[in-house]
Amino acid sequence: MAEVVNLRMARKAKARAAKAQSAAENRTRSSRSKGEKAAQQADMARVVSLLDGAKRERD
């Protein structure tokens, strides 16, 4: 005979596994590498310094 399986627990385990798989795919799709983060931070610093240099002083 086959092993007795609690269907509720099996369904929940299957849903958890599907959710974990989906989360792993989303992490790989939308995460940025360390180099990309550093490049964006350097670009933002450049833009901020450019804007600060263009500010007019109030007298």
C-alpha atoms as a PDB file:
ATOM      1  CA  MET A   1       0.000   0.000   0.000  1.00  0.00           C
ATOM      2  CA  ALA A   2       0.957   3.595  -0.484  1.00  0.00           C
ATOM      3  CA  GLU A   3       2.061   5.898   2.285  1.00  0.00           C
ATOM      4  CA  VAL A   4      -0.654   7.971   3.969  1.00  0.00           C
ATOM      5  CA  VAL A   5      -0.195  11.667   3.175  1.00  0.00           C
ATOM      6  CA  ASN A   6      -1.904  14.581   4.869  1.00  0.00           C
ATOM      7  CA  LEU A   7      -3.191  16.515   1.852  1.00  0.00           C
ATOM      8  CA  ARG A   8      -3.355  19.839   3.670  1.00  0.00           C
ATOM      9  CA  MET A   9       0.296  19.622   4.690  1.00  0.00           C
ATOM     10  CA  ALA A  10       1.347  18.443   1.232  1.00  0.00           C
ATOM     11  CA  ARG A  11      -0.510  21.331  -0.416  1.00  0.00           C
ATOM     12  CA  LYS A  12       1.102  23.865   1.935  1.00  0.00           C
ATOM     13  CA  ALA A  13       4.568  22.387   1.365  1.00  0.00           C
ATOM     14  CA  LYS A  14       4.056  22.569  -2.395  1.00  0.00           C
ATOM     15  CA  ALA A  15       2.932  26.211  -2.126  1.00  0.00           C
ATOM     16  CA  ARG A  16       5.965  27.069   0.027  1.00  0.00           C
ATOM     17  CA  ALA A  17       8.317  25.461  -2.480  1.00  0.00           C
ATOM     18  CA  ALA A  18       6.698  27.344  -5.371  1.00  0.00           C
ATOM     19  CA  LYS A  19       6.940  30.615  -3.456  1.00  0.00           C
ATOM     20  CA  ALA A  20      10.613  30.007  -2.649  1.00  0.00           C
ATOM     21  CA  GLN A  21      11.346  29.230  -6.304  1.00  0.00           C
ATOM     22  CA  SER A  22       9.563  32.399  -7.422  1.00  0.00           C
ATOM     23  CA  ALA A  23      11.468  34.474  -4.850  1.00  0.00           C
ATOM     24  CA  ALA A  24      14.793  33.059  -6.038  1.00  0.00           C
ATOM     25  CA  GLU A  25      13.964  33.920  -9.651  1.00  0.00           C
ATOM     26  CA  ASN A  26      12.947  37.458  -8.672  1.00  0.00           C
ATOM     27  CA  ARG A  27      16.160  37.960  -6.690  1.00  0.00           C
ATOM     28  CA  THR A  28      18.324  36.988  -9.643  1.00  0.00           C
ATOM     29  CA  ARG A  29      16.268  39.050 -12.077  1.00  0.00           C
ATOM     30  CA  SER A  30      16.095  42.310 -10.141  1.00  0.00           C
ATOM     31  CA  SER A  31      19.214  42.387  -8.001  1.00  0.00           C
ATOM     32  CA  ARG A  32      22.158  44.554  -8.944  1.00  0.00           C
ATOM     33  CA  SER A  33      25.795  43.609  -8.765  1.00  0.00           C
ATOM     34  CA  LYS A  34      28.281  45.352  -6.501  1.00  0.00           C
ATOM     35  CA  GLY A  35      29.824  47.100  -9.497  1.00  0.00           C
ATOM     36  CA  GLU A  36      26.472  48.434 -10.659  1.00  0.00           C
ATOM     37  CA  LYS A  37      25.706  49.780  -7.178  1.00  0.00           C
ATOM     38  CA  ALA A  38      29.117  51.478  -6.979  1.00  0.00           C
ATOM     39  CA  ALA A  39      28.710  52.986 -10.446  1.00  0.00           C
ATOM     40  CA  GLN A  40      25.305  54.389  -9.581  1.00  0.00           C
ATOM     41  CA  GLN A  41      26.602  55.820  -6.308  1.00  0.00           C
ATOM     42  CA  ALA A  42      29.541  57.470  -8.105  1.00  0.00           C
ATOM     43  CA  ASP A  43      27.181  58.875 -10.731  1.00  0.00           C
ATOM     44  CA  MET A  44      24.897  60.307  -8.035  1.00  0.00           C
ATOM     45  CA  ALA A  45      27.887  61.884  -6.267  1.00  0.00           C
ATOM     46  CA  ARG A  46      28.959  63.458  -9.554  1.00  0.00           C
ATOM     47  CA  VAL A  47      25.479  64.856 -10.181  1.00  0.00           C
ATOM     48  CA  VAL A  48      25.207  66.230  -6.641  1.00  0.00           C
ATOM     49  CA  SER A  49      28.587  67.945  -6.864  1.00  0.00           C
ATOM     50  CA  LEU A  50      27.663  69.372 -10.269  1.00  0.00           C
ATOM     51  CA  LEU A  51      24.431  70.792  -8.864  1.00  0.00           C
ATOM     52  CA  ASP A  52      26.169  72.157  -5.767  1.00  0.00           C
ATOM     53  CA  GLY A  53      28.715  73.879  -7.995  1.00  0.00           C
ATOM     54  CA  ALA A  54      25.964  75.539 -10.014  1.00  0.00           C
ATOM     55  CA  LYS A  55      24.169  76.992  -6.975  1.00  0.00           C
ATOM     56  CA  ARG A  56      24.049  80.732  -6.654  1.00  0.00           C
ATOM     57  CA  GLU A  57      25.009  82.330  -3.382  1.00  0.00           C
ATOM     58  CA  ARG A  58      22.435  84.622  -1.818  1.00  0.00           C
ATOM     59  CA  ASP A  59      23.713  87.900  -0.449  1.00  0.00           C
END
